[in-house]
Protein backbone atom coordinates (compact mmCIF):
# COMPACT_ATOMS: atom_id res chain seq x y z
CA MET A 1 0.07 -0.15 0.13
CA GLN A 2 1.31 3.55 -0.84
CA ALA A 3 1.44 6.28 1.52
CA VAL A 4 -0.43 9.46 0.50
CA SER A 5 1.26 12.62 0.84
CA ALA A 6 0.09 15.68 2.64
CA GLU A 7 -1.00 17.66 -0.22
CA ALA A 8 -2.87 14.60 -1.65
CA ALA A 9 -4.78 14.14 1.66
CA ARG A 10 -5.59 17.87 1.56
CA ARG A 11 -7.12 17.62 -1.98
CA LEU A 12 -9.05 14.63 -1.12
CA ARG A 13 -10.60 16.50 2.24
CA GLU A 14 -11.43 19.61 -0.27
CA GLN A 15 -13.13 17.14 -2.66
CA ASN A 16 -15.14 15.29 -0.16
CA PRO A 17 -15.78 17.64 2.83
CA PRO A 18 -17.67 16.03 5.70
CA VAL A 19 -21.10 16.46 6.97
CA SER A 20 -21.08 18.21 10.29
CA PRO A 21 -22.84 16.40 12.99
CA TRP A 22 -24.45 19.79 13.99
CA TRP A 23 -26.10 20.16 10.77
CA VAL A 24 -27.60 16.61 11.16
CA VAL A 25 -28.90 17.67 14.53
CA ALA A 26 -30.39 20.77 13.50
CA GLY A 27 -32.05 19.09 10.80
CA GLN A 28 -33.50 16.37 13.18
CA ALA A 29 -34.89 19.25 15.25
CA GLY A 30 -36.63 21.00 12.18
CA VAL A 31 -38.09 17.87 10.82
CA GLY A 32 -39.36 17.29 14.34
CA LEU A 33 -41.00 20.63 14.61
CA VAL A 34 -42.42 20.39 11.19
CA ALA A 35 -44.02 16.76 12.14
CA ALA A 36 -45.08 17.94 15.60
CA LEU A 37 -47.04 20.93 13.93
CA LEU A 38 -48.64 18.75 11.05
CA ALA A 39 -49.68 16.21 13.39
CA TRP A 40 -51.39 18.83 15.39
CA ALA A 41 -52.84 20.44 12.52
CA PHE A 42 -54.09 17.43 10.87
CA THR A 43 -55.52 15.67 14.19
CA GLY A 44 -56.75 19.05 15.76
CA LYS A 45 -55.21 17.54 19.08
CA GLN A 46 -52.48 19.23 20.95
CA ASN A 47 -51.33 16.07 22.68
CA VAL A 48 -50.51 14.36 19.22
CA GLY A 49 -48.57 17.31 18.34
CA TRP A 50 -46.57 17.12 21.54
CA SER A 51 -46.13 13.37 21.26
CA ALA A 52 -44.66 13.69 17.94
CA ALA A 53 -42.48 16.61 19.29
CA TYR A 54 -41.45 14.38 22.19
CA GLY A 55 -40.59 11.46 19.80
CA ALA A 56 -38.26 13.70 17.62
CA LEU A 57 -36.76 15.08 20.86
CA ALA A 58 -35.92 11.63 21.85
CA VAL A 59 -33.61 11.66 18.72
CA VAL A 60 -32.35 15.05 18.74
CA VAL A 61 -31.22 15.25 22.55
CA PRO A 62 -29.29 12.03 22.31
CA ALA A 63 -27.77 13.00 18.98
CA ALA A 64 -26.44 16.34 20.24
CA VAL A 65 -25.15 14.79 23.40
CA PHE A 66 -23.17 12.17 20.73
CA ALA A 67 -22.13 15.04 18.40
CA ARG A 68 -20.87 16.83 21.48
CA GLY A 69 -18.78 13.93 22.51
CA ILE A 70 -17.38 12.82 19.36
CA SER A 71 -16.18 16.49 18.60
CA SER A 72 -14.09 16.81 21.91
CA ARG A 73 -10.41 16.99 21.84
CA VAL A 74 -10.28 13.82 23.78
CA SER A 75 -12.00 11.85 21.26
CA SER A 76 -9.86 13.00 18.35
CA LEU A 77 -6.48 12.25 19.67
CA ASN A 78 -5.59 9.31 17.90
CA ALA A 79 -7.55 6.42 15.73
CA ALA A 80 -7.73 4.34 18.83
CA THR A 81 -9.32 6.95 20.98
CA ALA A 82 -11.52 8.21 18.21
CA ALA A 83 -12.91 4.65 17.44
CA MET A 84 -13.36 4.00 21.32
CA GLY A 85 -15.15 7.56 21.96
CA PHE A 86 -17.35 6.78 19.10
CA LEU A 87 -18.51 3.65 20.73
CA VAL A 88 -18.71 4.84 24.05
CA TRP A 89 -20.86 7.97 23.00
CA GLU A 90 -23.07 5.54 20.51
CA MET A 91 -23.92 3.67 23.72
CA VAL A 92 -24.48 6.68 25.78
CA LYS A 93 -26.95 7.94 22.71
CA LEU A 94 -28.70 4.72 22.73
CA GLY A 95 -29.08 4.59 26.59
CA LEU A 96 -30.44 8.13 26.65
CA THR A 97 -32.92 7.60 23.88
CA VAL A 98 -34.31 4.34 25.54
CA ALA A 99 -34.55 6.41 28.89
CA MET A 100 -36.42 9.08 27.26
CA LEU A 101 -38.78 6.83 25.62
CA LEU A 102 -39.55 5.02 28.86
CA ALA A 103 -40.14 8.60 30.65
CA ALA A 104 -42.65 9.44 27.65
CA PRO A 105 -45.76 8.30 29.46
CA SER A 106 -45.05 10.36 32.54
CA LEU A 107 -43.71 13.50 30.57
CA VAL A 108 -46.24 13.84 27.69
CA ALA A 109 -49.87 14.12 28.89
CA GLY A 110 -52.53 12.09 26.82
CA LEU A 111 -49.10 10.51 25.14
CA SER A 112 -50.01 8.91 21.50
CA TRP A 113 -47.52 6.51 20.81
CA PRO A 114 -48.26 6.29 17.04
CA ALA A 115 -47.43 10.16 16.77
CA LEU A 116 -44.27 9.71 19.10
CA LEU A 117 -42.94 6.67 16.82
CA VAL A 118 -43.66 8.79 13.66
CA GLY A 119 -41.93 11.98 15.01
CA LEU A 120 -38.92 9.20 16.21
CA VAL A 121 -38.82 8.01 12.89
CA LEU A 122 -38.82 11.02 10.78
CA ALA A 123 -36.16 12.47 12.80
CA MET A 124 -33.99 9.44 12.48
CA LYS A 125 -34.26 9.49 8.73
CA VAL A 126 -32.67 12.87 8.55
CA TYR A 127 -29.34 10.96 8.84
CA TRP A 128 -29.75 9.79 5.34
CA VAL A 129 -31.28 13.16 3.89
CA ALA A 130 -28.09 14.82 5.60
CA LEU A 131 -26.10 12.60 3.28
CA ALA A 132 -27.99 13.90 0.02
CA PHE A 133 -27.36 17.49 1.17
CA LYS A 134 -23.99 17.22 2.21
CA PRO A 135 -21.75 20.24 1.46
CA ARG A 136 -20.54 19.74 -2.48
CA PRO A 137 -16.81 19.67 -3.31
CA LYS A 138 -14.96 22.81 -3.92
CA ARG A 139 -14.09 22.95 -7.56
CA THR A 140 -10.25 23.13 -8.03
CA GLU A 141 -8.98 25.51 -10.73
CA GLY A 142 -6.38 23.99 -13.22
C-alpha cells in the first residue's frame, strides 16, 4: 500500500467535505418541529403534536450529546481513542434514547404512541437526508 502525501490528503478532504454532526442535529430538530405541527394540524389534538415532538426530541437530544462527545479533543487524539470514543458515545446515545422513551408516558400528557413513533422515525431518517444534502466539493482550478 502506498502512502498518501499531505498535499494529496488535503485535496481529498477538499473534494469530499465531511457532513457536520451539528448540521444533522439541526435538521432533525427542524423535521421534528414540522412533524409536530403537522400532527397537531391534521388531528386538531394538541397532545398528538406534543407526542410527535417528544418522539423527535428522543432522537435530537441524544444526537446532540453524541455530536458533542465525538467532537471533543479527547475523542480525536488518535485513531484508537476516536474509535473508542465513537463506541462509548454511541452507547450513551442509545441509553439516553431508551431512557427518554421510558419516561415519555409520565412526561407527555395524553401520550399518543403512534404520533411519538412517527416523530421518532422522521427525525431518525434525517441522517439519510443529510447525506443527500452534504456540502458540495470545492471546485479546483486548473
